[in-house]
Amino acid sequence: MGKVDAKKFNLPDVNVSDDEIVAIADGELIDVTTVSDETFSQKMLGESVAFRYQGDKVILCAPANGTLSAVFPTGHAYGVTTKNGVELLVHCGVNTVEAKGDGFRLFDREQGDEVKAGDPIVEVDLKKLSQTYDMSTMLIITDANNREITPKTPCHVKRGESVFLVKEVKNENIKTNSPD
């Protein structure tokens, strides 16, 4: 599996606000309910979108500014917690954990690293993995942290393009235990 140096790919910077959640690579944004695994298609892990990619390989990037909160050693999944506390999970393919890392190459990043939207996280060998697996890639909101998050309508997207509408929820009815 081996680590990859991001500098050799020379990806352009993505500059977005800390509230934005963006496409992790150029591809097709699809309705997650069409994905072959019910855990994802029924949104059991949270509000989600899915992507499909063309070509032999794809570089999957951070979907937001924040902290790399989880990096699976197999490279098939990683998490980012935004600066606003929204927790995101990227899961590349269906049942790809079974590949035990074969077909995934992590970039030189570790859990706890600060990342910017668009920073490369893992290179995926689509040609190899798609022979065995559904390579739909899911972007899941596992904790919205008091935000209303709505997915964009399916379309072609570019890396760094917003894929969710994020609005902070103001709750004026919150009761406190402070004395009067």
C-alpha atoms as a PDB file:
ATOM      1  CA  MET A   1       0.000   0.000   0.000  1.00  0.00           C
ATOM      2  CA  GLY A   2       2.783   2.567   0.775  1.00  0.00           C
ATOM      3  CA  LYS A   3       2.509   6.311   1.399  1.00  0.00           C
ATOM      4  CA  VAL A   4       2.439   8.868  -1.415  1.00  0.00           C
ATOM      5  CA  ASP A   5       4.000  12.341  -1.443  1.00  0.00           C
ATOM      6  CA  ALA A   6       1.246  14.841  -2.326  1.00  0.00           C
ATOM      7  CA  LYS A   7       3.699  17.358  -3.793  1.00  0.00           C
ATOM      8  CA  LYS A   8       4.320  15.234  -6.894  1.00  0.00           C
ATOM      9  CA  PHE A   9       0.665  15.581  -7.965  1.00  0.00           C
ATOM     10  CA  ASN A  10       0.635  19.407  -7.881  1.00  0.00           C
ATOM     11  CA  LEU A  11      -3.133  19.683  -7.273  1.00  0.00           C
ATOM     12  CA  PRO A  12      -4.425  23.261  -7.286  1.00  0.00           C
ATOM     13  CA  ASP A  13      -5.430  24.730  -3.926  1.00  0.00           C
ATOM     14  CA  VAL A  14      -9.097  24.757  -2.919  1.00  0.00           C
ATOM     15  CA  ASN A  15     -10.087  27.863  -0.952  1.00  0.00           C
ATOM     16  CA  VAL A  16     -13.436  27.546   0.814  1.00  0.00           C
ATOM     17  CA  SER A  17     -15.013  28.743   4.060  1.00  0.00           C
ATOM     18  CA  ASP A  18     -14.955  26.545   7.155  1.00  0.00           C
ATOM     19  CA  ASP A  19     -18.686  25.847   6.671  1.00  0.00           C
ATOM     20  CA  GLU A  20     -18.355  24.336   3.200  1.00  0.00           C
ATOM     21  CA  ILE A  21     -18.353  20.616   2.429  1.00  0.00           C
ATOM     22  CA  VAL A  22     -16.971  19.936  -1.026  1.00  0.00           C
ATOM     23  CA  ALA A  23     -16.467  17.280  -3.693  1.00  0.00           C
ATOM     24  CA  ILE A  24     -13.433  15.138  -2.928  1.00  0.00           C
ATOM     25  CA  ALA A  25     -12.534  14.656  -6.626  1.00  0.00           C
ATOM     26  CA  ASP A  26     -13.876  15.413 -10.108  1.00  0.00           C
ATOM     27  CA  GLY A  27     -16.748  13.037 -10.863  1.00  0.00           C
ATOM     28  CA  GLU A  28     -20.475  12.408 -10.838  1.00  0.00           C
ATOM     29  CA  LEU A  29     -22.415  13.325  -7.708  1.00  0.00           C
ATOM     30  CA  ILE A  30     -25.114  10.645  -7.483  1.00  0.00           C
ATOM     31  CA  ASP A  31     -28.132   9.986  -5.294  1.00  0.00           C
ATOM     32  CA  VAL A  32     -26.834   7.862  -2.401  1.00  0.00           C
ATOM     33  CA  THR A  33     -30.096   5.880  -2.357  1.00  0.00           C
ATOM     34  CA  THR A  34     -28.898   4.191  -5.598  1.00  0.00           C
ATOM     35  CA  VAL A  35     -25.788   2.691  -3.929  1.00  0.00           C
ATOM     36  CA  SER A  36     -25.767  -1.137  -3.672  1.00  0.00           C
ATOM     37  CA  ASP A  37     -25.192  -1.295   0.124  1.00  0.00           C
ATOM     38  CA  GLU A  38     -28.197  -0.557   2.362  1.00  0.00           C
ATOM     39  CA  THR A  39     -26.018   0.897   5.117  1.00  0.00           C
ATOM     40  CA  PHE A  40     -25.248   3.750   2.740  1.00  0.00           C
ATOM     41  CA  SER A  41     -28.366   3.835   0.552  1.00  0.00           C
ATOM     42  CA  GLN A  42     -30.657   4.052   3.576  1.00  0.00           C
ATOM     43  CA  LYS A  43     -28.428   6.707   5.187  1.00  0.00           C
ATOM     44  CA  MET A  44     -27.987   4.644   8.355  1.00  0.00           C
ATOM     45  CA  LEU A  45     -24.772   6.509   9.171  1.00  0.00           C
ATOM     46  CA  GLY A  46     -26.197   9.969   8.400  1.00  0.00           C
ATOM     47  CA  GLU A  47     -27.089  12.346   5.565  1.00  0.00           C
ATOM     48  CA  SER A  48     -24.960  11.414   2.577  1.00  0.00           C
ATOM     49  CA  VAL A  49     -24.046  11.847  -1.037  1.00  0.00           C
ATOM     50  CA  ALA A  50     -22.188   9.448  -3.292  1.00  0.00           C
ATOM     51  CA  PHE A  51     -19.773   9.874  -6.178  1.00  0.00           C
ATOM     52  CA  ARG A  52     -18.726   7.808  -9.173  1.00  0.00           C
ATOM     53  CA  TYR A  53     -15.387   8.356 -10.869  1.00  0.00           C
ATOM     54  CA  GLN A  54     -13.981   7.655 -14.335  1.00  0.00           C
ATOM     55  CA  GLY A  55     -10.476   6.587 -15.268  1.00  0.00           C
ATOM     56  CA  ASP A  56      -7.962   4.124 -13.921  1.00  0.00           C
ATOM     57  CA  LYS A  57      -7.107   6.039 -10.740  1.00  0.00           C
ATOM     58  CA  VAL A  58      -8.556   8.828  -8.613  1.00  0.00           C
ATOM     59  CA  ILE A  59      -7.108  10.936  -5.819  1.00  0.00           C
ATOM     60  CA  LEU A  60      -9.620  11.437  -3.017  1.00  0.00           C
ATOM     61  CA  CYS A  61      -9.203  14.613  -0.993  1.00  0.00           C
ATOM     62  CA  ALA A  62     -10.388  16.216   2.233  1.00  0.00           C
ATOM     63  CA  PRO A  63     -14.046  17.301   1.940  1.00  0.00           C
ATOM     64  CA  ALA A  64     -13.635  20.279   4.298  1.00  0.00           C
ATOM     65  CA  ASN A  65     -11.238  22.354   6.366  1.00  0.00           C
ATOM     66  CA  GLY A  66     -10.568  20.650   9.684  1.00  0.00           C
ATOM     67  CA  THR A  67      -8.772  17.773  11.357  1.00  0.00           C
ATOM     68  CA  LEU A  68      -8.181  14.333   9.919  1.00  0.00           C
ATOM     69  CA  SER A  69     -10.049  12.554  12.711  1.00  0.00           C
ATOM     70  CA  ALA A  70      -9.747   8.994  11.382  1.00  0.00           C
ATOM     71  CA  VAL A  71      -7.576   7.268   8.799  1.00  0.00           C
ATOM     72  CA  PHE A  72      -8.233   3.588   8.233  1.00  0.00           C
ATOM     73  CA  PRO A  73      -4.876   1.863   7.608  1.00  0.00           C
ATOM     74  CA  THR A  74      -6.436   0.074   4.629  1.00  0.00           C
ATOM     75  CA  GLY A  75      -7.027   3.472   2.954  1.00  0.00           C
ATOM     76  CA  HIS A  76     -10.676   2.682   2.131  1.00  0.00           C
ATOM     77  CA  ALA A  77     -12.110   5.255   4.567  1.00  0.00           C
ATOM     78  CA  TYR A  78     -11.182   8.398   6.457  1.00  0.00           C
ATOM     79  CA  GLY A  79     -12.877  11.001   8.612  1.00  0.00           C
ATOM     80  CA  VAL A  80     -12.609  14.767   8.894  1.00  0.00           C
ATOM     81  CA  THR A  81     -13.983  16.893  11.721  1.00  0.00           C
ATOM     82  CA  THR A  82     -14.575  20.446  10.520  1.00  0.00           C
ATOM     83  CA  LYS A  83     -13.542  23.506  12.489  1.00  0.00           C
ATOM     84  CA  ASN A  84     -17.263  23.882  13.312  1.00  0.00           C
ATOM     85  CA  GLY A  85     -17.522  20.378  14.769  1.00  0.00           C
ATOM     86  CA  VAL A  86     -19.313  18.700  11.844  1.00  0.00           C
ATOM     87  CA  GLU A  87     -18.062  15.117  11.518  1.00  0.00           C
ATOM     88  CA  LEU A  88     -17.607  13.666   8.021  1.00  0.00           C
ATOM     89  CA  LEU A  89     -16.762  10.171   6.827  1.00  0.00           C
ATOM     90  CA  VAL A  90     -15.500   9.303   3.342  1.00  0.00           C
ATOM     91  CA  HIS A  91     -15.970   5.636   2.439  1.00  0.00           C
ATOM     92  CA  CYS A  92     -14.483   4.547  -0.891  1.00  0.00           C
ATOM     93  CA  GLY A  93     -16.353   1.649  -2.436  1.00  0.00           C
ATOM     94  CA  VAL A  94     -18.678  -1.010  -1.073  1.00  0.00           C
ATOM     95  CA  ASN A  95     -17.004  -3.791   0.951  1.00  0.00           C
ATOM     96  CA  THR A  96     -13.551  -2.529  -0.077  1.00  0.00           C
ATOM     97  CA  VAL A  97     -12.273  -3.165   3.460  1.00  0.00           C
ATOM     98  CA  GLU A  98     -11.989  -6.750   2.164  1.00  0.00           C
ATOM     99  CA  ALA A  99      -9.202  -5.591  -0.205  1.00  0.00           C
ATOM    100  CA  LYS A 100      -7.018  -5.087   2.910  1.00  0.00           C
ATOM    101  CA  GLY A 101      -5.433  -1.961   1.415  1.00  0.00           C
ATOM    102  CA  ASP A 102      -4.613  -3.459  -1.987  1.00  0.00           C
ATOM    103  CA  GLY A 103      -5.522  -0.750  -4.513  1.00  0.00           C
ATOM    104  CA  PHE A 104      -5.281   2.145  -2.019  1.00  0.00           C
ATOM    105  CA  ARG A 105      -2.226   4.344  -1.401  1.00  0.00           C
ATOM    106  CA  LEU A 106      -2.434   6.808   1.470  1.00  0.00           C
ATOM    107  CA  PHE A 107      -0.757  10.169   1.146  1.00  0.00           C
ATOM    108  CA  ASP A 108       1.649  11.229   3.864  1.00  0.00           C
ATOM    109  CA  ARG A 109      -1.071  12.164   6.367  1.00  0.00           C
ATOM    110  CA  GLU A 110      -1.898  10.915   9.831  1.00  0.00           C
ATOM    111  CA  GLN A 111      -4.838  11.023  12.189  1.00  0.00           C
ATOM    112  CA  GLY A 112      -4.810  14.391  13.984  1.00  0.00           C
ATOM    113  CA  ASP A 113      -3.311  16.324  11.056  1.00  0.00           C
ATOM    114  CA  GLU A 114      -4.919  19.624  10.084  1.00  0.00           C
ATOM    115  CA  VAL A 115      -6.264  19.492   6.523  1.00  0.00           C
ATOM    116  CA  LYS A 116      -7.743  21.956   4.074  1.00  0.00           C
ATOM    117  CA  ALA A 117     -10.565  21.093   1.710  1.00  0.00           C
ATOM    118  CA  GLY A 118      -8.981  19.589  -1.392  1.00  0.00           C
ATOM    119  CA  ASP A 119      -5.874  18.213   0.344  1.00  0.00           C
ATOM    120  CA  PRO A 120      -5.129  14.735  -1.072  1.00  0.00           C
ATOM    121  CA  ILE A 121      -5.707  11.822   1.331  1.00  0.00           C
ATOM    122  CA  VAL A 122      -5.663   8.601  -0.709  1.00  0.00           C
ATOM    123  CA  GLU A 123      -4.987   7.451  -4.268  1.00  0.00           C
ATOM    124  CA  VAL A 124      -7.411   4.754  -5.427  1.00  0.00           C
ATOM    125  CA  ASP A 125      -6.740   2.232  -8.198  1.00  0.00           C
ATOM    126  CA  LEU A 126     -10.242   2.168  -9.701  1.00  0.00           C
ATOM    127  CA  LYS A 127      -9.219  -0.143 -12.526  1.00  0.00           C
ATOM    128  CA  LYS A 128      -8.054  -2.823 -10.103  1.00  0.00           C
ATOM    129  CA  LEU A 129     -10.742  -2.443  -7.434  1.00  0.00           C
ATOM    130  CA  SER A 130     -13.725  -2.067  -9.798  1.00  0.00           C
ATOM    131  CA  GLN A 131     -13.135  -5.625 -11.038  1.00  0.00           C
ATOM    132  CA  THR A 132     -14.388  -6.845  -7.652  1.00  0.00           C
ATOM    133  CA  TYR A 133     -16.176  -3.968  -5.915  1.00  0.00           C
ATOM    134  CA  ASP A 134     -18.852  -1.326  -6.465  1.00  0.00           C
ATOM    135  CA  MET A 135     -16.588   1.742  -6.371  1.00  0.00           C
ATOM    136  CA  SER A 136     -19.268   4.270  -5.441  1.00  0.00           C
ATOM    137  CA  THR A 137     -17.679   6.579  -2.888  1.00  0.00           C
ATOM    138  CA  MET A 138     -19.805   7.951  -0.074  1.00  0.00           C
ATOM    139  CA  LEU A 139     -19.443  11.247   1.810  1.00  0.00           C
ATOM    140  CA  ILE A 140     -21.419  10.926   5.035  1.00  0.00           C
ATOM    141  CA  ILE A 141     -22.339  13.519   7.665  1.00  0.00           C
ATOM    142  CA  THR A 142     -21.983  11.412  10.816  1.00  0.00           C
ATOM    143  CA  ASP A 143     -22.590  14.384  13.149  1.00  0.00           C
ATOM    144  CA  ALA A 144     -24.173  17.610  11.847  1.00  0.00           C
ATOM    145  CA  ASN A 145     -23.382  19.488  15.094  1.00  0.00           C
ATOM    146  CA  ASN A 146     -26.553  21.615  15.132  1.00  0.00           C
ATOM    147  CA  ARG A 147     -26.461  22.322  11.420  1.00  0.00           C
ATOM    148  CA  GLU A 148     -29.074  21.647   8.787  1.00  0.00           C
ATOM    149  CA  ILE A 149     -27.197  19.934   5.951  1.00  0.00           C
ATOM    150  CA  THR A 150     -28.880  19.338   2.610  1.00  0.00           C
ATOM    151  CA  PRO A 151     -27.261  17.487  -0.307  1.00  0.00           C
ATOM    152  CA  LYS A 152     -26.913  19.079  -3.705  1.00  0.00           C
ATOM    153  CA  THR A 153     -28.882  17.606  -6.625  1.00  0.00           C
ATOM    154  CA  PRO A 154     -26.944  14.935  -8.578  1.00  0.00           C
ATOM    155  CA  CYS A 155     -24.697  16.434 -11.274  1.00  0.00           C
ATOM    156  CA  HIS A 156     -21.109  16.506 -12.503  1.00  0.00           C
ATOM    157  CA  VAL A 157     -18.831  18.071  -9.857  1.00  0.00           C
ATOM    158  CA  LYS A 158     -15.261  19.295  -9.712  1.00  0.00           C
ATOM    159  CA  ARG A 159     -12.918  18.766  -6.762  1.00  0.00           C
ATOM    160  CA  GLY A 160     -13.558  21.581  -4.272  1.00  0.00           C
ATOM    161  CA  GLU A 161     -17.101  22.359  -5.485  1.00  0.00           C
ATOM    162  CA  SER A 162     -19.732  22.534  -2.735  1.00  0.00           C
ATOM    163  CA  VAL A 163     -21.911  19.394  -2.492  1.00  0.00           C
ATOM    164  CA  PHE A 164     -24.005  20.247   0.584  1.00  0.00           C
ATOM    165  CA  LEU A 165     -25.917  23.338   1.691  1.00  0.00           C
ATOM    166  CA  VAL A 166     -25.004  23.944   5.346  1.00  0.00           C
ATOM    167  CA  LYS A 167     -27.056  26.175   7.656  1.00  0.00           C
ATOM    168  CA  GLU A 168     -26.563  26.661  11.366  1.00  0.00           C
ATOM    169  CA  VAL A 169     -29.698  25.842  13.337  1.00  0.00           C
ATOM    170  CA  LYS A 170     -30.577  28.459  15.936  1.00  0.00           C
ATOM    171  CA  ASN A 171     -32.616  27.049  18.788  1.00  0.00           C
ATOM    172  CA  GLU A 172     -34.182  29.841  20.830  1.00  0.00           C
ATOM    173  CA  ASN A 173     -36.053  27.321  22.950  1.00  0.00           C
ATOM    174  CA  ILE A 174     -32.979  25.947  24.670  1.00  0.00           C
ATOM    175  CA  LYS A 175     -33.558  25.942  28.432  1.00  0.00           C
ATOM    176  CA  THR A 176     -30.714  26.560  30.768  1.00  0.00           C
ATOM    177  CA  ASN A 177     -30.380  25.654  34.410  1.00  0.00           C
ATOM    178  CA  SER A 178     -29.213  29.101  35.411  1.00  0.00           C
ATOM    179  CA  PRO A 179     -30.936  30.723  38.392  1.00  0.00           C
ATOM    180  CA  ASP A 180     -33.326  33.628  37.706  1.00  0.00           C
END
